N, C-alpha and C. Protein backbone atom coordinates (compact mmCIF):
# COMPACT_ATOMS: atom_id res chain seq x y z
N UNK A 1 77.91 82.81 143.22
CA UNK A 1 78.74 84.22 143.39
C UNK A 1 79.32 84.19 145.27
N UNK A 2 80.10 85.14 145.06
CA UNK A 2 80.74 85.47 146.37
C UNK A 2 80.14 86.30 146.77
N UNK A 3 78.85 85.70 147.97
CA UNK A 3 78.20 86.83 148.35
C UNK A 3 79.36 88.28 149.39
N UNK A 4 79.95 87.78 150.20
CA UNK A 4 80.69 88.45 151.16
C UNK A 4 81.69 89.51 150.13
N UNK A 5 82.34 88.81 148.82
CA UNK A 5 82.91 89.90 147.72
C UNK A 5 81.83 91.04 147.66
N UNK A 6 80.78 89.99 146.97
CA UNK A 6 79.35 91.25 146.24
C UNK A 6 79.02 92.74 147.34
N UNK A 7 79.19 92.07 148.39
CA UNK A 7 78.66 92.93 149.61
C UNK A 7 79.75 94.11 149.71
N UNK A 8 81.00 93.51 149.65
CA UNK A 8 81.75 94.57 150.10
C UNK A 8 82.24 95.38 148.76
N UNK A 9 81.89 94.90 147.41
CA UNK A 9 82.13 96.04 146.29
C UNK A 9 81.06 97.01 146.33
N UNK A 10 79.76 96.36 147.22
CA UNK A 10 78.83 97.72 147.48
C UNK A 10 78.68 98.77 148.25
N UNK A 11 79.49 97.80 149.37
CA UNK A 11 80.20 99.37 150.53
C UNK A 11 81.27 99.91 150.25
N UNK A 12 81.78 99.67 149.17
CA UNK A 12 83.10 100.51 148.39
C UNK A 12 82.36 101.22 147.70
N UNK A 13 81.21 101.08 146.76
CA UNK A 13 80.96 102.22 146.18
C UNK A 13 80.04 102.84 146.44
N UNK A 14 79.14 102.73 147.56
CA UNK A 14 78.54 103.56 148.40
C UNK A 14 79.36 104.86 148.91
N UNK A 15 79.98 103.92 149.38
CA UNK A 15 81.64 104.84 150.21
C UNK A 15 81.84 105.88 149.40
N UNK A 16 82.23 105.58 148.19
CA UNK A 16 83.02 106.66 147.26
C UNK A 16 82.13 107.61 146.87
N UNK A 17 80.64 107.39 146.72
CA UNK A 17 79.86 108.14 146.04
C UNK A 17 79.68 109.37 147.13
N UNK A 18 79.79 109.22 148.40
CA UNK A 18 79.71 109.74 149.38
C UNK A 18 81.24 110.66 150.03
N UNK A 19 82.08 110.10 148.89
CA UNK A 19 83.58 111.07 149.37
C UNK A 19 84.32 110.57 150.62
N UNK A 20 83.81 109.45 150.81
CA UNK A 20 84.57 109.25 152.36
C UNK A 20 85.53 108.13 152.41
N UNK A 21 86.70 108.27 153.15
CA UNK A 21 87.37 107.40 153.30
C UNK A 21 87.48 106.26 154.17
N UNK A 22 88.05 104.98 153.85
CA UNK A 22 87.66 104.03 154.79
C UNK A 22 87.93 104.78 156.07
N UNK A 23 88.75 105.83 156.47
CA UNK A 23 89.00 106.26 157.69
C UNK A 23 87.54 107.24 158.38
N UNK A 24 87.03 107.73 157.45
CA UNK A 24 85.90 108.57 157.56
C UNK A 24 84.86 107.01 158.40
N UNK A 25 84.73 106.47 157.17
CA UNK A 25 83.76 105.12 157.36
C UNK A 25 83.72 104.87 158.67
N UNK A 26 85.06 104.26 159.24
CA UNK A 26 85.71 103.22 160.04
C UNK A 26 85.16 104.32 161.67
N UNK A 27 85.46 105.58 161.59
CA UNK A 27 84.87 106.41 162.79
C UNK A 27 83.76 106.24 162.86
N UNK A 28 82.23 106.37 161.85
CA UNK A 28 81.28 106.28 162.07
C UNK A 28 80.44 105.29 162.47
N UNK A 29 81.31 104.28 161.96
CA UNK A 29 81.08 102.68 162.43
C UNK A 29 81.74 102.40 163.68
N UNK A 30 82.18 102.99 164.30
CA UNK A 30 82.96 102.47 165.54
C UNK A 30 83.90 101.48 165.27
N UNK A 31 84.78 101.75 164.50
CA UNK A 31 85.40 100.17 164.23
C UNK A 31 87.12 101.10 163.43
N UNK A 32 87.45 99.76 162.63
CA UNK A 32 88.86 99.95 162.48
C UNK A 32 89.17 100.34 161.03
N UNK A 33 90.06 100.93 160.28
CA UNK A 33 90.27 101.10 158.88
C UNK A 33 90.73 99.54 158.47
N UNK A 34 91.00 98.92 158.80
CA UNK A 34 91.39 97.87 158.32
C UNK A 34 90.38 96.74 158.19
N UNK A 35 89.49 96.85 159.27
CA UNK A 35 88.07 96.33 158.99
C UNK A 35 87.12 96.69 157.79
N UNK A 36 87.03 97.74 158.05
CA UNK A 36 86.49 98.58 156.41
C UNK A 36 87.45 97.93 155.14
N UNK A 37 88.62 97.95 155.16
CA UNK A 37 89.40 97.39 154.27
C UNK A 37 89.15 95.91 153.91
N UNK A 38 89.15 94.98 154.89
CA UNK A 38 88.47 93.83 154.65
C UNK A 38 86.81 93.42 154.37
N UNK A 39 86.10 94.28 155.06
CA UNK A 39 84.47 93.86 154.64
C UNK A 39 85.25 94.23 153.10
N UNK A 40 85.51 95.31 152.47
CA UNK A 40 85.78 95.75 151.33
C UNK A 40 85.98 95.04 150.03
N UNK A 41 86.82 94.05 150.50
CA UNK A 41 87.52 92.74 149.50
C UNK A 41 86.64 91.63 149.62
N UNK A 42 85.73 91.50 150.86
CA UNK A 42 85.32 90.31 150.60
C UNK A 42 86.04 89.49 151.51
N UNK A 43 87.18 89.81 152.59
CA UNK A 43 87.80 88.74 153.27
C UNK A 43 86.94 88.82 154.70
N UNK A 44 85.89 89.62 155.09
CA UNK A 44 85.47 89.45 156.03
C UNK A 44 83.83 89.86 155.75
N UNK A 45 82.84 89.24 156.33
CA UNK A 45 81.29 89.20 155.65
C UNK A 45 80.99 90.06 157.04
N UNK A 46 79.89 90.97 156.25
CA UNK A 46 79.31 92.15 157.08
C UNK A 46 78.35 91.38 157.68
N UNK A 47 77.96 91.67 159.03
CA UNK A 47 76.76 90.90 159.85
C UNK A 47 75.73 91.84 159.38
N UNK A 48 74.52 91.42 160.09
CA UNK A 48 73.31 92.18 159.84
C UNK A 48 73.54 93.39 160.66
N UNK A 49 74.30 93.73 161.91
CA UNK A 49 74.18 94.81 162.56
C UNK A 49 74.80 95.75 161.67
N UNK A 50 75.85 95.30 161.12
CA UNK A 50 76.89 96.31 160.50
C UNK A 50 76.28 96.63 159.23
N UNK A 51 75.07 95.91 158.46
CA UNK A 51 74.70 96.35 157.13
C UNK A 51 73.79 97.44 157.47
N UNK A 52 72.86 96.93 158.64
CA UNK A 52 72.04 98.18 159.35
C UNK A 52 72.30 99.42 159.30
N UNK A 53 73.81 99.81 160.10
CA UNK A 53 74.42 100.53 160.74
C UNK A 53 74.77 101.47 159.02
N UNK A 54 75.70 100.50 157.78
CA UNK A 54 75.96 101.34 156.71
C UNK A 54 74.86 101.67 156.13
N UNK A 55 73.72 101.09 155.95
CA UNK A 55 72.35 101.57 155.38
C UNK A 55 71.96 103.00 155.92
N UNK A 56 71.53 103.28 157.15
CA UNK A 56 71.76 104.19 157.81
C UNK A 56 72.87 105.47 157.67
N UNK A 57 73.82 104.84 157.28
CA UNK A 57 75.29 106.15 157.07
C UNK A 57 75.10 106.39 155.48
N UNK A 58 74.59 105.71 154.56
CA UNK A 58 74.92 105.73 153.35
C UNK A 58 73.44 106.56 152.83
N UNK A 59 72.14 106.24 153.44
CA UNK A 59 70.87 106.41 152.97
C UNK A 59 70.41 105.19 151.76
N UNK A 60 70.73 104.26 152.15
CA UNK A 60 69.96 103.27 151.19
C UNK A 60 69.66 102.18 151.71
N UNK A 61 69.03 101.28 151.32
CA UNK A 61 68.23 100.07 151.88
C UNK A 61 69.12 99.00 152.07
N UNK A 62 69.06 98.27 153.00
CA UNK A 62 69.96 96.92 153.22
C UNK A 62 69.75 96.23 151.89
N UNK A 63 68.64 95.89 151.40
CA UNK A 63 68.34 95.20 150.01
C UNK A 63 69.46 95.62 148.68
N UNK A 64 69.85 96.96 148.62
CA UNK A 64 71.08 97.42 147.81
C UNK A 64 72.08 96.82 148.10
N UNK A 65 72.37 96.44 148.97
CA UNK A 65 73.90 95.57 149.20
C UNK A 65 74.04 94.41 148.88
N UNK A 66 72.64 93.85 148.64
CA UNK A 66 72.71 92.21 147.51
C UNK A 66 72.32 92.17 146.28
N UNK A 67 72.79 91.25 145.71
CA UNK A 67 72.51 90.79 144.58
C UNK A 67 70.78 91.33 144.15
N UNK A 68 70.40 91.38 143.23
CA UNK A 68 68.76 91.75 142.77
C UNK A 68 68.55 89.87 142.67
N UNK A 69 67.29 90.05 143.32
CA UNK A 69 66.76 88.43 142.93
C UNK A 69 65.14 88.74 142.99
N UNK A 70 64.14 88.09 142.57
CA UNK A 70 62.72 88.17 142.80
C UNK A 70 62.22 88.51 144.18
N UNK A 71 62.80 87.65 145.35
CA UNK A 71 62.33 87.65 146.85
C UNK A 71 63.04 88.76 147.58
N UNK A 72 64.36 89.51 147.02
CA UNK A 72 64.80 90.21 147.33
C UNK A 72 65.02 90.24 149.21
N UNK A 73 65.00 91.43 149.94
CA UNK A 73 65.03 91.51 151.32
C UNK A 73 64.21 90.65 151.92
N UNK A 74 62.70 89.81 151.73
CA UNK A 74 61.98 88.97 152.02
C UNK A 74 62.63 88.00 152.57
N UNK A 75 63.75 87.21 151.43
CA UNK A 75 63.96 86.05 151.66
C UNK A 75 65.33 86.00 152.75
N UNK A 76 65.82 87.21 152.71
CA UNK A 76 66.63 87.27 154.02
C UNK A 76 65.86 87.37 155.30
N UNK A 77 64.79 88.37 155.31
CA UNK A 77 63.82 88.56 156.74
C UNK A 77 63.35 87.31 157.28
N UNK A 78 62.74 86.37 156.25
CA UNK A 78 62.09 84.70 156.50
C UNK A 78 62.92 83.96 157.47
N UNK A 79 64.30 83.87 156.85
CA UNK A 79 65.38 83.50 157.82
C UNK A 79 66.02 83.64 159.08
N UNK A 80 65.48 85.06 159.41
CA UNK A 80 65.52 85.57 160.66
C UNK A 80 65.04 84.60 161.55
N UNK A 81 65.69 84.69 162.79
CA UNK A 81 64.82 84.16 164.18
C UNK A 81 63.71 85.89 164.59
N UNK A 82 62.50 85.74 165.37
CA UNK A 82 61.71 86.28 165.56
C UNK A 82 62.14 87.97 166.18
N UNK A 83 63.52 88.16 167.06
CA UNK A 83 63.97 88.97 167.71
C UNK A 83 64.36 89.96 166.49
N UNK A 84 65.42 89.31 165.52
CA UNK A 84 65.92 90.07 164.58
C UNK A 84 64.76 90.26 163.63
N UNK A 85 63.57 89.58 163.36
CA UNK A 85 63.05 90.01 162.42
C UNK A 85 62.39 91.58 162.94
N UNK A 86 62.21 91.65 164.33
CA UNK A 86 61.55 92.81 164.78
C UNK A 86 62.24 93.92 164.20
N UNK A 87 63.49 93.58 164.73
CA UNK A 87 64.73 94.97 164.40
C UNK A 87 64.81 95.10 162.99
N UNK A 88 64.56 94.02 162.19
CA UNK A 88 64.21 94.52 160.53
C UNK A 88 62.91 95.44 160.50
N UNK A 89 62.04 94.88 161.11
CA UNK A 89 60.58 95.71 160.87
C UNK A 89 60.73 97.25 161.36
N UNK A 90 61.48 97.48 162.82
CA UNK A 90 61.55 98.62 163.54
C UNK A 90 62.05 99.56 162.30
N UNK A 91 63.27 99.15 161.75
CA UNK A 91 64.47 99.81 161.00
C UNK A 91 63.49 100.51 160.02
N UNK A 92 62.87 99.18 158.98
CA UNK A 92 61.87 100.05 157.63
C UNK A 92 60.93 100.58 158.41
N UNK A 93 60.18 100.69 159.26
CA UNK A 93 59.28 101.52 159.62
C UNK A 93 59.77 102.98 159.98
N UNK A 94 61.49 102.98 160.50
CA UNK A 94 61.59 104.37 160.77
C UNK A 94 61.77 104.84 159.31
N UNK A 95 62.30 104.04 158.44
CA UNK A 95 62.62 104.54 156.96
C UNK A 95 61.53 105.25 156.22
N UNK A 96 60.42 104.40 156.53
CA UNK A 96 58.69 105.19 155.69
C UNK A 96 58.76 106.07 156.45
N UNK A 97 58.82 106.24 157.98
CA UNK A 97 58.36 107.61 158.53
C UNK A 97 59.37 108.98 157.97
N UNK A 98 60.37 108.51 157.79
CA UNK A 98 61.58 109.82 157.39
C UNK A 98 61.03 110.31 155.98
N UNK A 99 60.86 108.90 155.25
CA UNK A 99 60.45 109.11 153.75
C UNK A 99 58.83 109.79 153.53
N UNK A 100 58.02 109.63 154.30
CA UNK A 100 56.87 110.47 154.25
C UNK A 100 56.91 111.81 155.07
N UNK A 101 57.97 112.03 156.11
CA UNK A 101 57.89 113.06 156.50
C UNK A 101 58.39 114.32 155.32
N UNK A 102 59.17 113.94 154.51
CA UNK A 102 59.87 114.71 153.21
C UNK A 102 60.31 115.88 154.10
N UNK A 103 60.25 117.13 153.88
CA UNK A 103 60.84 118.35 154.38
C UNK A 103 60.70 118.97 155.65
N UNK A 104 59.59 118.07 156.31
CA UNK A 104 59.21 118.98 157.34
C UNK A 104 60.07 118.81 158.37
N UNK A 105 60.11 120.28 159.38
CA UNK A 105 60.83 120.61 160.19
C UNK A 105 60.39 119.57 161.47
N UNK A 106 61.25 118.96 161.95
CA UNK A 106 61.28 117.30 163.22
C UNK A 106 62.20 117.64 164.33
N UNK A 107 61.15 118.32 165.52
CA UNK A 107 62.26 118.01 166.45
C UNK A 107 62.05 116.95 167.34
N UNK A 108 63.01 116.07 167.81
CA UNK A 108 62.86 114.66 167.88
C UNK A 108 62.46 114.68 169.42
N UNK A 109 61.59 113.59 169.62
CA UNK A 109 61.62 113.37 171.12
C UNK A 109 62.61 112.73 171.93
N UNK A 110 62.70 113.11 173.06
CA UNK A 110 64.17 112.59 173.49
C UNK A 110 63.30 110.95 174.11
N UNK A 111 64.46 110.23 173.99
CA UNK A 111 64.52 108.76 174.57
C UNK A 111 65.20 108.57 176.06
N UNK A 112 64.65 107.90 177.00
CA UNK A 112 65.05 107.67 177.77
C UNK A 112 65.94 106.05 177.81
N UNK A 113 66.93 105.97 178.66
CA UNK A 113 67.66 104.83 178.26
C UNK A 113 68.81 104.60 179.85
N UNK A 114 68.37 103.02 180.51
CA UNK A 114 69.23 103.16 181.41
C UNK A 114 70.59 103.45 181.51
N UNK A 115 71.64 104.12 182.61
CA UNK A 115 72.59 104.90 182.17
C UNK A 115 73.44 104.62 183.50
N UNK A 116 74.14 103.81 183.36
CA UNK A 116 75.45 103.45 184.53
C UNK A 116 76.70 104.49 184.78
N UNK A 117 75.98 105.32 186.11
CA UNK A 117 77.03 106.58 186.49
C UNK A 117 78.16 106.43 187.38
N UNK A 118 78.13 105.22 187.76
CA UNK A 118 79.52 104.94 188.56
C UNK A 118 80.41 103.99 188.08
N UNK A 119 80.18 103.42 186.79
CA UNK A 119 80.97 102.24 186.78
C UNK A 119 81.20 102.61 185.28
N UNK A 120 82.33 103.92 185.16
CA UNK A 120 82.89 104.27 183.84
C UNK A 120 83.95 103.92 183.38
N UNK A 121 84.21 103.50 181.92
CA UNK A 121 85.30 103.17 181.52
C UNK A 121 86.59 103.50 181.64
N UNK A 122 87.40 103.16 181.55
CA UNK A 122 89.10 103.94 182.06
C UNK A 122 89.57 104.60 181.12
N UNK A 123 90.46 105.89 181.79
CA UNK A 123 91.06 106.79 181.06
C UNK A 123 92.03 106.31 180.27
N UNK A 124 92.68 104.59 180.09
CA UNK A 124 93.68 103.87 180.14
C UNK A 124 94.34 102.87 180.41
N UNK A 125 94.68 101.76 179.54
CA UNK A 125 94.38 100.34 179.81
C UNK A 125 94.99 99.98 181.38
N UNK A 126 95.94 100.97 182.24
CA UNK A 126 96.62 100.86 183.46
C UNK A 126 95.74 101.33 184.61
N UNK A 127 94.94 102.55 184.36
CA UNK A 127 94.40 103.05 185.60
C UNK A 127 92.78 102.86 185.17
N UNK A 128 92.42 101.87 185.97
CA UNK A 128 90.93 101.51 185.88
C UNK A 128 89.95 102.37 187.21
N UNK A 129 88.52 102.80 186.29
CA UNK A 129 87.87 103.26 187.62
C UNK A 129 86.88 102.32 187.92
N UNK A 130 86.39 102.51 189.14
CA UNK A 130 85.32 101.23 189.43
C UNK A 130 84.60 101.40 190.61
N UNK A 131 83.50 101.47 190.48
CA UNK A 131 82.62 102.07 191.60
C UNK A 131 81.46 101.37 191.91
N UNK A 132 80.58 101.51 192.94
CA UNK A 132 79.63 101.01 192.91
C UNK A 132 78.54 101.42 192.17
N UNK A 133 77.86 100.16 191.05
CA UNK A 133 77.04 100.35 190.47
C UNK A 133 75.80 101.21 190.73
N UNK A 134 75.54 102.52 189.93
CA UNK A 134 74.16 102.92 190.30
C UNK A 134 73.74 103.27 188.54
N UNK A 135 72.59 102.32 188.59
CA UNK A 135 71.73 102.73 187.25
C UNK A 135 70.55 103.64 187.35
N UNK A 136 70.60 104.71 186.35
CA UNK A 136 69.73 105.46 186.49
C UNK A 136 69.10 105.95 184.62
N UNK A 137 68.27 106.49 184.86
CA UNK A 137 67.88 106.69 183.75
C UNK A 137 68.38 108.21 183.07
N UNK A 138 68.58 108.38 181.55
CA UNK A 138 69.22 109.37 181.41
C UNK A 138 68.54 109.65 179.91
N UNK A 139 68.42 111.15 179.43
CA UNK A 139 67.68 111.20 178.15
C UNK A 139 68.47 111.47 177.07
N UNK A 140 68.21 110.69 175.81
CA UNK A 140 69.07 111.38 174.51
C UNK A 140 68.09 111.70 173.45
N UNK A 141 68.49 112.29 172.40
CA UNK A 141 67.53 112.47 171.50
C UNK A 141 67.31 111.31 170.17
N UNK A 142 68.60 110.64 170.41
CA UNK A 142 68.45 109.56 169.47
C UNK A 142 69.11 108.27 170.02
N UNK A 143 68.77 106.80 170.20
CA UNK A 143 69.12 105.86 170.60
C UNK A 143 69.02 104.82 169.96
N UNK A 144 70.18 104.31 169.25
CA UNK A 144 69.88 103.09 168.79
C UNK A 144 69.14 101.92 169.11
N UNK A 145 68.72 101.42 168.00
CA UNK A 145 67.27 100.08 168.53
C UNK A 145 68.22 99.39 169.43
N UNK A 146 69.34 98.74 169.50
CA UNK A 146 69.68 97.62 169.93
C UNK A 146 70.64 97.97 171.03
N UNK A 147 70.62 99.12 171.71
CA UNK A 147 71.23 99.46 172.67
C UNK A 147 70.11 99.49 174.28
N UNK A 148 70.97 98.73 174.97
CA UNK A 148 70.56 98.14 176.08
C UNK A 148 70.55 99.09 177.19
N UNK A 149 71.84 99.96 177.08
CA UNK A 149 72.29 101.01 178.41
C UNK A 149 73.63 101.89 177.85
N UNK A 150 73.57 102.80 178.41
CA UNK A 150 74.80 104.01 178.25
C UNK A 150 75.23 103.68 179.26
N UNK A 151 76.81 104.29 178.65
CA UNK A 151 78.02 104.23 179.55
C UNK A 151 78.51 105.71 179.26
N UNK A 152 79.10 106.47 180.47
CA UNK A 152 80.07 107.43 180.22
C UNK A 152 81.26 107.47 180.00
N UNK A 153 81.86 107.75 179.23
CA UNK A 153 83.63 107.43 179.20
C UNK A 153 84.24 108.61 179.58
N UNK A 154 85.44 107.92 180.32
CA UNK A 154 86.26 108.99 181.27
C UNK A 154 88.03 108.46 180.29
N UNK A 155 87.98 109.82 179.76
CA UNK A 155 89.77 110.29 179.66
C UNK A 155 89.80 109.91 177.86
N UNK A 156 91.08 110.09 177.30
CA UNK A 156 90.97 110.27 176.32
C UNK A 156 91.68 109.52 175.19
N UNK A 157 91.61 108.05 175.97
CA UNK A 157 92.50 106.77 175.00
C UNK A 157 91.44 106.69 173.85
N UNK A 158 90.28 106.92 173.40
CA UNK A 158 89.44 106.45 172.55
C UNK A 158 89.17 107.52 171.52
N UNK A 159 89.78 108.47 171.73
CA UNK A 159 89.72 109.86 170.93
C UNK A 159 90.11 109.85 169.51
N UNK A 160 90.31 110.33 168.30
CA UNK A 160 89.05 111.54 168.66
C UNK A 160 87.46 110.63 168.56
N UNK A 161 87.40 109.39 167.99
CA UNK A 161 86.12 108.32 168.27
C UNK A 161 85.43 109.11 169.17
N UNK A 162 86.01 108.39 170.62
CA UNK A 162 84.86 108.61 171.42
C UNK A 162 85.68 109.71 172.76
N UNK A 163 85.13 110.65 172.78
CA UNK A 163 85.91 112.15 173.55
C UNK A 163 85.64 111.58 175.04
N UNK A 164 86.31 112.41 176.01
CA UNK A 164 86.51 112.17 177.29
C UNK A 164 84.89 113.34 177.91
N UNK A 165 84.12 112.32 178.54
CA UNK A 165 83.05 112.78 179.12
C UNK A 165 81.49 112.34 178.30
N UNK A 166 82.35 111.43 176.95
CA UNK A 166 81.05 111.54 176.07
C UNK A 166 79.96 110.38 176.78
N UNK A 167 78.68 110.13 176.32
CA UNK A 167 78.01 108.56 176.70
C UNK A 167 78.47 107.79 175.52
N UNK A 168 78.40 106.56 175.59
CA UNK A 168 78.07 105.71 174.86
C UNK A 168 77.41 105.02 175.15
N UNK A 169 76.63 104.17 173.74
CA UNK A 169 75.48 103.39 173.97
C UNK A 169 76.12 102.02 173.73
N UNK A 170 75.40 101.05 174.20
CA UNK A 170 76.06 99.67 174.73
C UNK A 170 74.86 98.78 174.24
N UNK A 171 75.51 97.58 173.68
CA UNK A 171 74.38 96.65 173.31
C UNK A 171 75.04 95.28 174.15
N UNK A 172 74.48 94.78 174.85
CA UNK A 172 74.73 93.83 175.99
C UNK A 172 74.98 92.36 174.96
N UNK A 173 76.30 92.17 175.07
CA UNK A 173 76.75 90.65 174.73
C UNK A 173 77.98 90.27 175.23
N UNK A 174 78.40 88.95 175.14
CA UNK A 174 79.64 88.31 175.70
C UNK A 174 80.61 88.16 175.11
N UNK A 175 80.43 88.71 173.56
CA UNK A 175 81.79 88.72 172.70
C UNK A 175 81.38 89.46 171.47
N UNK A 176 82.84 90.05 170.97
CA UNK A 176 82.99 90.66 169.82
C UNK A 176 83.71 90.49 168.54
N UNK A 177 83.49 91.15 167.58
CA UNK A 177 84.36 90.44 166.49
C UNK A 177 85.33 91.44 166.38
N UNK A 178 86.75 90.94 165.73
CA UNK A 178 87.77 91.54 165.97
C UNK A 178 87.93 93.48 165.68
N UNK A 179 88.53 94.09 166.13
CA UNK A 179 88.47 95.64 166.20
C UNK A 179 87.27 96.82 166.57
N UNK A 180 86.30 95.27 167.08
CA UNK A 180 85.15 96.15 167.72
C UNK A 180 85.47 96.65 168.76
N UNK A 181 84.47 97.82 169.02
CA UNK A 181 84.67 98.90 170.57
C UNK A 181 83.94 97.94 171.32
N UNK A 182 84.76 97.49 172.86
CA UNK A 182 83.52 96.88 173.82
C UNK A 182 83.93 97.65 174.95
N UNK A 183 82.87 97.15 175.60
CA UNK A 183 83.06 97.88 177.61
C UNK A 183 83.42 96.41 178.24
N UNK A 184 84.46 96.58 178.63
CA UNK A 184 85.30 94.90 179.25
C UNK A 184 85.95 95.58 180.78
N UNK A 185 85.65 94.06 181.68
CA UNK A 185 85.92 94.77 182.75
C UNK A 185 87.13 93.38 182.78
N UNK A 186 87.98 93.96 183.50
CA UNK A 186 89.31 93.34 183.56
C UNK A 186 89.60 92.79 185.49
N UNK A 187 90.14 91.44 185.45
CA UNK A 187 89.83 90.90 186.62
C UNK A 187 88.86 91.34 187.67
N UNK A 188 87.85 91.26 187.27
CA UNK A 188 86.74 92.02 188.12
C UNK A 188 86.73 92.76 188.96
N UNK A 189 87.94 94.03 188.62
CA UNK A 189 87.90 95.17 189.77
C UNK A 189 88.21 96.40 188.67
N UNK A 190 87.85 96.19 187.38
CA UNK A 190 87.84 97.40 186.38
C UNK A 190 87.48 97.38 185.43
N UNK A 191 86.69 98.98 184.96
CA UNK A 191 86.17 98.42 183.52
C UNK A 191 86.68 99.69 182.58
N UNK A 192 86.92 98.82 181.52
CA UNK A 192 87.90 99.85 179.97
C UNK A 192 86.60 99.79 178.93
N UNK A 193 87.26 100.49 178.41
CA UNK A 193 86.63 101.11 176.82
C UNK A 193 87.51 101.01 175.55
N UNK A 194 87.60 99.93 175.29
CA UNK A 194 88.94 99.72 174.30
C UNK A 194 88.30 98.80 172.98
N UNK A 195 89.06 98.88 171.89
CA UNK A 195 89.22 97.61 170.72
C UNK A 195 89.86 96.40 171.69
N UNK A 196 88.70 95.74 171.01
CA UNK A 196 89.16 93.93 171.15
C UNK A 196 89.53 93.47 169.67
N UNK A 197 91.03 92.51 169.99
CA UNK A 197 91.33 91.93 169.13
C UNK A 197 91.81 90.62 169.78
N UNK A 198 91.80 89.65 169.20
CA UNK A 198 92.13 88.35 169.49
C UNK A 198 93.36 87.49 169.01
N UNK A 199 94.36 87.23 169.38
CA UNK A 199 95.65 86.65 169.02
C UNK A 199 95.29 85.48 169.14
N UNK A 200 95.14 84.27 168.08
CA UNK A 200 94.79 83.20 168.17
C UNK A 200 95.95 82.06 168.34
N UNK A 201 97.25 82.98 167.82
CA UNK A 201 98.88 81.83 168.20
C UNK A 201 99.01 81.99 169.98
N UNK A 202 98.92 83.28 169.94
CA UNK A 202 99.05 82.77 171.35
C UNK A 202 98.36 82.76 172.53
N UNK A 203 96.92 82.88 171.92
CA UNK A 203 95.43 82.56 172.91
C UNK A 203 95.43 83.96 173.75
N UNK A 204 95.74 85.11 173.45
CA UNK A 204 95.62 86.60 174.43
C UNK A 204 94.49 87.10 173.78
N UNK A 205 94.25 88.24 174.48
CA UNK A 205 93.05 89.21 173.51
C UNK A 205 94.04 90.48 174.17
N UNK A 206 94.21 91.76 172.76
CA UNK A 206 94.22 92.43 172.77
C UNK A 206 93.80 93.48 173.20
N UNK A 207 93.55 94.57 173.60
CA UNK A 207 92.83 95.58 174.37
C UNK A 207 93.56 97.18 173.58
N UNK A 208 92.81 97.80 172.86
CA UNK A 208 93.87 98.84 171.94
C UNK A 208 93.31 99.80 172.20
N UNK A 209 94.00 101.23 172.36
CA UNK A 209 93.37 102.47 172.33
C UNK A 209 93.30 102.58 170.66
N UNK A 210 92.22 103.86 170.49
CA UNK A 210 92.56 104.30 169.24
C UNK A 210 93.46 105.79 169.64
N UNK A 211 93.47 106.07 170.32
CA UNK A 211 94.56 107.12 170.95
C UNK A 211 95.77 106.55 170.85
N UNK A 212 96.79 107.06 169.75
CA UNK A 212 98.31 106.24 169.72
C UNK A 212 99.20 106.46 171.01
N UNK A 213 98.69 107.41 171.79
CA UNK A 213 99.39 107.97 172.73
C UNK A 213 99.89 107.11 173.90
N UNK A 214 98.82 105.56 173.77
CA UNK A 214 98.32 104.66 174.32
C UNK A 214 98.59 103.43 174.50
N UNK A 215 99.33 102.63 175.24
CA UNK A 215 100.28 100.82 174.52
C UNK A 215 98.89 99.94 174.58
N UNK A 216 98.78 98.83 173.96
CA UNK A 216 98.24 98.12 173.87
C UNK A 216 98.44 97.45 175.29
N UNK A 217 97.16 96.88 175.51
CA UNK A 217 97.23 95.78 176.92
C UNK A 217 96.80 94.49 176.68
N UNK A 218 97.82 93.31 176.57
CA UNK A 218 97.71 91.86 176.51
C UNK A 218 96.86 91.30 177.76
N UNK A 219 96.29 90.59 177.53
CA UNK A 219 95.50 89.60 178.85
C UNK A 219 95.51 88.43 178.58
N UNK A 220 95.18 87.48 179.31
CA UNK A 220 94.49 86.23 179.14
C UNK A 220 92.68 86.46 179.00
N UNK A 221 92.54 85.37 177.93
CA UNK A 221 90.82 85.58 177.92
C UNK A 221 90.01 84.99 179.79
N UNK A 222 90.92 84.64 180.46
CA UNK A 222 90.53 84.19 181.94
C UNK A 222 90.40 85.88 182.76
N UNK A 223 91.27 86.73 182.40
CA UNK A 223 91.09 87.94 182.85
C UNK A 223 89.73 88.92 182.53
N UNK A 224 89.47 88.65 181.02
CA UNK A 224 88.62 89.19 180.78
C UNK A 224 86.95 89.07 180.95
N UNK A 225 85.77 90.33 181.20
CA UNK A 225 84.99 89.77 181.03
C UNK A 225 84.25 90.73 179.80
N UNK A 226 83.97 90.41 178.64
CA UNK A 226 83.24 91.63 177.72
C UNK A 226 81.42 91.57 178.31
N UNK A 227 81.60 93.13 178.33
CA UNK A 227 80.26 93.32 178.83
C UNK A 227 79.33 93.57 177.87
N UNK A 228 79.86 94.16 176.58
CA UNK A 228 79.18 94.80 175.24
C UNK A 228 79.86 95.43 175.02
N UNK A 229 79.08 95.29 173.49
CA UNK A 229 79.56 96.33 172.45
C UNK A 229 79.08 97.83 172.21
N UNK A 230 80.34 98.54 172.10
CA UNK A 230 79.59 99.43 171.68
C UNK A 230 79.15 99.97 170.26
N UNK A 231 78.09 100.90 169.99
CA UNK A 231 76.77 100.84 169.14
C UNK A 231 77.34 102.13 168.60
N UNK A 232 76.96 102.85 167.59
CA UNK A 232 76.78 103.96 167.04
C UNK A 232 75.76 104.66 166.31
């Protein structure tokens, strides 16, 4: 069985059940319609983080994306390294708590997260904002479990997905997949928030805005440092 294709068919099925377009789902995941299409046809295999995000969006279990087996999710869980097992456990625990709460009215407890105040992402690829990094704590009603810090976004280049002045949550990591949104440092003197694409033929990196008013910026791999992936 082609597992990537099976998972893709499940993603499409759950998306259509909720009358969502590929654009709708891409917006919720912080990715592109092209990436959703590639997931659904099995051209690109959805990784663990994507599957957990999708299960949250669709209100289904991660196990529902896989063929029925005797072992189910436990087989996958046992193959994960301990830090990833902890993520799976924490997610399952939250799902159980939500189920047990039923229809109770819930007032979410605000969570604190380190927030980079003066190192904001750019309004567009040619106007970067960069200042002394000041890290403070900010309170949020909901913080993704994999978030390491938050960053305020300046400008409209990522609208309508990310609006001017909005905080985004960031998972610190040195690389991202094609089409994922990242916080990127350019030439060591500016930080921007963009979709990242890799042109393997020309060995360049394409930094793309969601707002079509802004042009792509093409840089060499040596010019950039990926600080982390934006998560929703």
